Amino acid sequence: MPLIVPPSLTDEDGALTQACEDALVAIFEKYDVDKDGALSNAELDAFAKDTNGDVFDEDTRTEITEFLDLDDKGQLTKKGFLQMYNLQTSSEPEETWKDLQKHGYDSSLKLVASRSEDGDNSANKSS
């Protein structure tokens, strides 16, 4: 069976592809429950638990606050979220693929399932 190689998540300049960025923005917006354009600690914890099974450790939180874009309340902005994934993807694209898959994206970056929609979809399919 041939190995299926997913498309690159970055372009030749190292920037996230539009498809990758669109998927990540959708994930960010799902966790930005209060729709203020940034992830509070509780929202970031929910994202981390769904993605990695646990909240970020102190070292990771320190890196986020030191190196990524934050709002005036110290919360991770959409820009910062994309920065975080750009950094991860440039060094470990397979980790970004794992994260995208956990959030319901297939190898062509199409949303095929999501945690919050799983129950809704099963009801819709039976009609």
N, C-alpha and C. Protein backbone atom coordinates (compact mmCIF):
# COMPACT_ATOMS: atom_id res chain seq x y z
N MET A 1 0.85 -1.18 0.00
CA MET A 1 0.00 0.00 0.00
C MET A 1 0.90 1.24 0.00
N PRO A 2 0.65 2.16 -0.91
CA PRO A 2 1.52 3.35 -0.98
C PRO A 2 1.32 4.26 0.22
N LEU A 3 2.39 4.89 0.61
CA LEU A 3 2.35 5.85 1.71
C LEU A 3 1.68 7.12 1.23
N ILE A 4 0.68 7.57 1.96
CA ILE A 4 0.00 8.81 1.61
C ILE A 4 0.71 9.95 2.31
N VAL A 5 1.23 10.87 1.52
CA VAL A 5 1.95 12.02 2.07
C VAL A 5 1.00 13.21 2.04
N PRO A 6 0.68 13.76 3.22
CA PRO A 6 -0.21 14.92 3.24
C PRO A 6 0.47 16.14 2.64
N PRO A 7 -0.33 17.11 2.19
CA PRO A 7 0.26 18.31 1.61
C PRO A 7 1.06 19.09 2.66
N SER A 8 1.97 19.90 2.19
CA SER A 8 2.76 20.73 3.08
C SER A 8 1.86 21.74 3.79
N LEU A 9 2.16 22.02 5.03
CA LEU A 9 1.40 23.01 5.79
C LEU A 9 2.00 24.40 5.67
N THR A 10 3.19 24.47 5.05
CA THR A 10 3.84 25.77 4.87
C THR A 10 4.20 25.95 3.40
N ASP A 11 4.33 27.20 3.00
CA ASP A 11 4.73 27.50 1.63
C ASP A 11 6.26 27.57 1.54
N GLU A 12 6.77 27.91 0.36
CA GLU A 12 8.22 27.93 0.16
C GLU A 12 8.94 28.96 1.03
N ASP A 13 8.19 29.96 1.53
CA ASP A 13 8.79 30.97 2.41
C ASP A 13 8.68 30.60 3.89
N GLY A 14 8.07 29.46 4.19
CA GLY A 14 7.93 29.03 5.57
C GLY A 14 6.67 29.54 6.25
N ALA A 15 5.81 30.25 5.53
CA ALA A 15 4.55 30.73 6.10
C ALA A 15 3.51 29.62 6.01
N LEU A 16 2.55 29.63 6.92
CA LEU A 16 1.47 28.66 6.87
C LEU A 16 0.70 28.83 5.56
N THR A 17 0.32 27.71 4.96
CA THR A 17 -0.51 27.80 3.76
C THR A 17 -1.88 28.36 4.14
N GLN A 18 -2.60 28.87 3.16
CA GLN A 18 -3.92 29.43 3.44
C GLN A 18 -4.86 28.37 4.01
N ALA A 19 -4.81 27.16 3.47
CA ALA A 19 -5.67 26.08 3.96
C ALA A 19 -5.35 25.74 5.42
N CYS A 20 -4.08 25.70 5.75
CA CYS A 20 -3.67 25.43 7.13
C CYS A 20 -4.11 26.56 8.04
N GLU A 21 -3.86 27.79 7.61
CA GLU A 21 -4.25 28.94 8.43
C GLU A 21 -5.77 28.96 8.64
N ASP A 22 -6.54 28.67 7.59
CA ASP A 22 -8.00 28.65 7.72
C ASP A 22 -8.44 27.62 8.76
N ALA A 23 -7.83 26.43 8.73
CA ALA A 23 -8.17 25.39 9.70
C ALA A 23 -7.82 25.83 11.12
N LEU A 24 -6.65 26.43 11.29
CA LEU A 24 -6.22 26.87 12.61
C LEU A 24 -7.08 28.01 13.13
N VAL A 25 -7.48 28.93 12.26
CA VAL A 25 -8.38 30.02 12.67
C VAL A 25 -9.71 29.44 13.13
N ALA A 26 -10.23 28.45 12.42
CA ALA A 26 -11.49 27.83 12.82
C ALA A 26 -11.35 27.17 14.20
N ILE A 27 -10.22 26.52 14.44
CA ILE A 27 -9.98 25.91 15.76
C ILE A 27 -9.91 27.00 16.83
N PHE A 28 -9.15 28.05 16.56
CA PHE A 28 -9.03 29.17 17.50
C PHE A 28 -10.42 29.71 17.83
N GLU A 29 -11.22 29.96 16.82
CA GLU A 29 -12.54 30.57 17.03
C GLU A 29 -13.47 29.65 17.81
N LYS A 30 -13.30 28.35 17.66
CA LYS A 30 -14.10 27.39 18.43
C LYS A 30 -13.82 27.53 19.93
N TYR A 31 -12.57 27.78 20.28
CA TYR A 31 -12.19 27.88 21.69
C TYR A 31 -12.31 29.30 22.25
N ASP A 32 -12.40 30.29 21.39
CA ASP A 32 -12.60 31.68 21.83
C ASP A 32 -14.08 31.85 22.14
N VAL A 33 -14.51 31.24 23.23
CA VAL A 33 -15.92 31.15 23.58
C VAL A 33 -16.56 32.53 23.74
N ASP A 34 -15.85 33.46 24.36
CA ASP A 34 -16.43 34.79 24.58
C ASP A 34 -16.25 35.73 23.38
N LYS A 35 -15.62 35.22 22.33
CA LYS A 35 -15.46 35.94 21.05
C LYS A 35 -14.77 37.30 21.22
N ASP A 36 -13.76 37.36 22.11
CA ASP A 36 -13.03 38.62 22.31
C ASP A 36 -11.73 38.67 21.51
N GLY A 37 -11.48 37.66 20.67
CA GLY A 37 -10.29 37.67 19.83
C GLY A 37 -9.03 37.16 20.51
N ALA A 38 -9.18 36.60 21.70
CA ALA A 38 -8.03 36.06 22.43
C ALA A 38 -8.49 34.88 23.28
N LEU A 39 -7.54 34.00 23.61
CA LEU A 39 -7.86 32.86 24.45
C LEU A 39 -7.49 33.17 25.90
N SER A 40 -8.49 33.18 26.77
CA SER A 40 -8.24 33.34 28.20
C SER A 40 -7.54 32.08 28.70
N ASN A 41 -7.11 32.09 29.95
CA ASN A 41 -6.46 30.89 30.50
C ASN A 41 -7.39 29.69 30.43
N ALA A 42 -8.68 29.89 30.75
CA ALA A 42 -9.64 28.78 30.71
C ALA A 42 -9.83 28.29 29.27
N GLU A 43 -9.92 29.21 28.32
CA GLU A 43 -10.09 28.82 26.92
C GLU A 43 -8.84 28.11 26.40
N LEU A 44 -7.67 28.60 26.77
CA LEU A 44 -6.42 27.97 26.37
C LEU A 44 -6.30 26.58 26.99
N ASP A 45 -6.72 26.44 28.25
CA ASP A 45 -6.71 25.13 28.91
C ASP A 45 -7.63 24.15 28.18
N ALA A 46 -8.82 24.61 27.78
CA ALA A 46 -9.76 23.73 27.07
C ALA A 46 -9.15 23.28 25.75
N PHE A 47 -8.52 24.21 25.02
CA PHE A 47 -7.85 23.87 23.77
C PHE A 47 -6.75 22.84 24.03
N ALA A 48 -5.89 23.10 25.02
CA ALA A 48 -4.76 22.21 25.30
C ALA A 48 -5.25 20.81 25.70
N LYS A 49 -6.29 20.74 26.53
CA LYS A 49 -6.82 19.44 26.94
C LYS A 49 -7.35 18.66 25.75
N ASP A 50 -8.11 19.32 24.88
CA ASP A 50 -8.67 18.63 23.71
C ASP A 50 -7.58 18.23 22.73
N THR A 51 -6.51 19.00 22.67
CA THR A 51 -5.44 18.74 21.71
C THR A 51 -4.42 17.75 22.24
N ASN A 52 -4.00 17.94 23.49
CA ASN A 52 -2.89 17.15 24.05
C ASN A 52 -3.27 16.27 25.23
N GLY A 53 -4.52 16.36 25.68
CA GLY A 53 -4.94 15.54 26.80
C GLY A 53 -4.71 16.19 28.16
N ASP A 54 -4.04 17.33 28.19
CA ASP A 54 -3.76 18.02 29.45
C ASP A 54 -3.48 19.50 29.16
N VAL A 55 -3.53 20.30 30.21
CA VAL A 55 -3.24 21.73 30.06
C VAL A 55 -1.74 21.90 29.80
N PHE A 56 -1.36 23.08 29.31
CA PHE A 56 0.05 23.37 29.09
C PHE A 56 0.78 23.46 30.42
N ASP A 57 2.03 22.99 30.45
CA ASP A 57 2.83 23.12 31.67
C ASP A 57 3.34 24.55 31.80
N GLU A 58 3.95 24.84 32.93
CA GLU A 58 4.42 26.21 33.21
C GLU A 58 5.45 26.70 32.19
N ASP A 59 6.36 25.81 31.77
CA ASP A 59 7.36 26.20 30.78
C ASP A 59 6.70 26.64 29.47
N THR A 60 5.71 25.89 29.03
CA THR A 60 5.01 26.23 27.79
C THR A 60 4.26 27.54 27.95
N ARG A 61 3.60 27.71 29.09
CA ARG A 61 2.88 28.97 29.34
C ARG A 61 3.85 30.17 29.33
N THR A 62 5.02 29.98 29.92
CA THR A 62 6.03 31.05 29.95
C THR A 62 6.47 31.38 28.53
N GLU A 63 6.70 30.36 27.71
CA GLU A 63 7.09 30.59 26.32
C GLU A 63 6.00 31.35 25.57
N ILE A 64 4.76 30.99 25.81
CA ILE A 64 3.63 31.67 25.15
C ILE A 64 3.64 33.15 25.51
N THR A 65 3.77 33.45 26.79
CA THR A 65 3.71 34.85 27.21
C THR A 65 4.94 35.64 26.80
N GLU A 66 6.08 34.98 26.66
CA GLU A 66 7.31 35.69 26.29
C GLU A 66 7.46 35.91 24.80
N PHE A 67 6.98 34.97 23.99
CA PHE A 67 7.33 35.00 22.57
C PHE A 67 6.17 35.20 21.60
N LEU A 68 4.93 35.09 22.08
CA LEU A 68 3.79 35.15 21.16
C LEU A 68 2.96 36.39 21.41
N ASP A 69 2.13 36.75 20.43
CA ASP A 69 1.31 37.95 20.50
C ASP A 69 0.18 37.77 21.53
N LEU A 70 0.10 38.71 22.45
CA LEU A 70 -0.92 38.70 23.50
C LEU A 70 -1.71 39.99 23.45
N ASP A 71 -2.93 39.96 23.99
CA ASP A 71 -3.70 41.20 24.09
C ASP A 71 -3.28 41.94 25.36
N ASP A 72 -3.95 43.06 25.66
CA ASP A 72 -3.56 43.86 26.82
C ASP A 72 -3.87 43.18 28.15
N LYS A 73 -4.61 42.06 28.12
CA LYS A 73 -4.87 41.28 29.34
C LYS A 73 -3.92 40.10 29.47
N GLY A 74 -2.97 39.99 28.54
CA GLY A 74 -2.03 38.88 28.58
C GLY A 74 -2.57 37.58 28.03
N GLN A 75 -3.62 37.67 27.21
CA GLN A 75 -4.24 36.49 26.63
C GLN A 75 -3.72 36.28 25.20
N LEU A 76 -3.61 35.02 24.80
CA LEU A 76 -3.11 34.66 23.48
C LEU A 76 -4.09 35.10 22.39
N THR A 77 -3.63 35.95 21.49
CA THR A 77 -4.47 36.43 20.39
C THR A 77 -4.50 35.42 19.25
N LYS A 78 -5.37 35.66 18.27
CA LYS A 78 -5.40 34.82 17.07
C LYS A 78 -4.04 34.87 16.37
N LYS A 79 -3.46 36.06 16.29
CA LYS A 79 -2.13 36.20 15.69
C LYS A 79 -1.12 35.35 16.46
N GLY A 80 -1.17 35.39 17.79
CA GLY A 80 -0.26 34.60 18.62
C GLY A 80 -0.48 33.10 18.44
N PHE A 81 -1.73 32.69 18.30
CA PHE A 81 -2.07 31.29 18.07
C PHE A 81 -1.45 30.81 16.75
N LEU A 82 -1.57 31.65 15.72
CA LEU A 82 -0.98 31.31 14.43
C LEU A 82 0.55 31.32 14.51
N GLN A 83 1.12 32.25 15.29
CA GLN A 83 2.58 32.26 15.50
C GLN A 83 3.02 30.95 16.15
N MET A 84 2.26 30.51 17.16
CA MET A 84 2.59 29.28 17.88
C MET A 84 2.62 28.10 16.90
N TYR A 85 1.62 28.04 16.04
CA TYR A 85 1.57 26.94 15.08
C TYR A 85 2.60 27.08 13.96
N ASN A 86 2.94 28.29 13.60
CA ASN A 86 3.97 28.47 12.59
C ASN A 86 5.31 27.96 13.13
N LEU A 87 5.60 28.29 14.39
CA LEU A 87 6.84 27.80 15.01
C LEU A 87 6.84 26.28 15.10
N GLN A 88 5.74 25.70 15.56
CA GLN A 88 5.67 24.25 15.69
C GLN A 88 5.80 23.58 14.33
N THR A 89 5.08 24.12 13.34
CA THR A 89 5.04 23.50 12.02
C THR A 89 6.40 23.56 11.33
N SER A 90 7.14 24.63 11.55
CA SER A 90 8.46 24.74 10.91
C SER A 90 9.44 23.70 11.45
N SER A 91 9.27 23.29 12.71
CA SER A 91 10.19 22.30 13.28
C SER A 91 9.60 20.89 13.36
N GLU A 92 8.30 20.79 13.56
CA GLU A 92 7.67 19.48 13.72
C GLU A 92 6.30 19.45 13.02
N PRO A 93 6.29 19.42 11.68
CA PRO A 93 5.01 19.42 10.97
C PRO A 93 4.10 18.25 11.35
N GLU A 94 4.72 17.13 11.71
CA GLU A 94 3.90 15.97 12.09
C GLU A 94 3.08 16.25 13.36
N GLU A 95 3.60 17.07 14.25
CA GLU A 95 2.84 17.44 15.46
C GLU A 95 1.63 18.30 15.09
N THR A 96 1.80 19.21 14.14
CA THR A 96 0.68 20.03 13.70
C THR A 96 -0.36 19.16 13.02
N TRP A 97 0.07 18.19 12.22
CA TRP A 97 -0.88 17.27 11.60
C TRP A 97 -1.67 16.51 12.66
N LYS A 98 -0.99 16.04 13.71
CA LYS A 98 -1.69 15.33 14.80
C LYS A 98 -2.74 16.23 15.43
N ASP A 99 -2.38 17.49 15.68
CA ASP A 99 -3.31 18.44 16.28
C ASP A 99 -4.52 18.66 15.37
N LEU A 100 -4.25 18.86 14.09
CA LEU A 100 -5.34 19.09 13.14
C LEU A 100 -6.27 17.88 13.09
N GLN A 101 -5.70 16.69 13.10
CA GLN A 101 -6.51 15.47 13.07
C GLN A 101 -7.35 15.35 14.34
N LYS A 102 -6.77 15.70 15.48
CA LYS A 102 -7.54 15.65 16.73
C LYS A 102 -8.74 16.57 16.68
N HIS A 103 -8.63 17.65 15.91
CA HIS A 103 -9.73 18.61 15.80
C HIS A 103 -10.62 18.32 14.59
N GLY A 104 -10.45 17.14 13.99
CA GLY A 104 -11.38 16.69 12.97
C GLY A 104 -11.01 16.97 11.54
N TYR A 105 -9.76 17.35 11.27
CA TYR A 105 -9.35 17.66 9.89
C TYR A 105 -8.69 16.44 9.26
N ASP A 106 -8.99 16.22 7.97
CA ASP A 106 -8.37 15.12 7.25
C ASP A 106 -7.08 15.60 6.58
N SER A 107 -6.46 14.71 5.79
CA SER A 107 -5.16 15.04 5.20
C SER A 107 -5.25 16.08 4.10
N SER A 108 -6.46 16.46 3.68
CA SER A 108 -6.60 17.55 2.72
C SER A 108 -7.10 18.82 3.42
N LEU A 109 -7.02 18.81 4.76
CA LEU A 109 -7.42 19.95 5.60
C LEU A 109 -8.91 20.29 5.47
N LYS A 110 -9.70 19.26 5.26
CA LYS A 110 -11.16 19.42 5.27
C LYS A 110 -11.66 18.95 6.63
N LEU A 111 -12.58 19.71 7.21
CA LEU A 111 -13.16 19.32 8.49
C LEU A 111 -14.13 18.17 8.25
N VAL A 112 -13.82 17.02 8.80
CA VAL A 112 -14.67 15.85 8.61
C VAL A 112 -15.41 15.49 9.89
N ALA A 113 -14.93 15.95 11.04
CA ALA A 113 -15.60 15.70 12.31
C ALA A 113 -15.04 16.66 13.34
N SER A 114 -15.87 17.04 14.27
CA SER A 114 -15.36 17.84 15.39
C SER A 114 -16.07 17.41 16.65
N ARG A 115 -15.44 17.64 17.77
CA ARG A 115 -15.99 17.20 19.04
C ARG A 115 -17.37 17.76 19.29
N SER A 116 -17.55 19.05 19.03
CA SER A 116 -18.83 19.68 19.35
C SER A 116 -19.91 19.34 18.34
N GLU A 117 -19.51 18.88 17.15
CA GLU A 117 -20.49 18.61 16.11
C GLU A 117 -20.80 17.13 15.95
N ASP A 118 -20.06 16.25 16.61
CA ASP A 118 -20.28 14.82 16.42
C ASP A 118 -21.73 14.42 16.70
N GLY A 119 -22.27 14.88 17.80
CA GLY A 119 -23.65 14.53 18.15
C GLY A 119 -24.64 15.11 17.16
N ASP A 120 -24.41 16.36 16.73
CA ASP A 120 -25.32 17.01 15.78
C ASP A 120 -25.32 16.28 14.45
N ASN A 121 -24.15 15.88 13.98
CA ASN A 121 -24.06 15.23 12.67
C ASN A 121 -24.79 13.90 12.64
N SER A 122 -24.72 13.13 13.73
CA SER A 122 -25.38 11.83 13.73
C SER A 122 -26.89 12.01 13.65
N ALA A 123 -27.42 13.07 14.26
CA ALA A 123 -28.85 13.33 14.18
C ALA A 123 -29.24 13.75 12.77
N ASN A 124 -28.39 14.53 12.12
CA ASN A 124 -28.68 15.00 10.76
C ASN A 124 -28.59 13.88 9.74
N LYS A 125 -27.71 12.93 9.95
CA LYS A 125 -27.52 11.85 8.98
C LYS A 125 -28.72 10.93 8.94
N SER A 126 -29.45 10.80 10.04
CA SER A 126 -30.57 9.85 10.08
C SER A 126 -31.81 10.42 9.41
N SER A 127 -31.81 11.71 9.06
CA SER A 127 -33.03 12.28 8.43
C SER A 127 -32.96 12.23 6.93
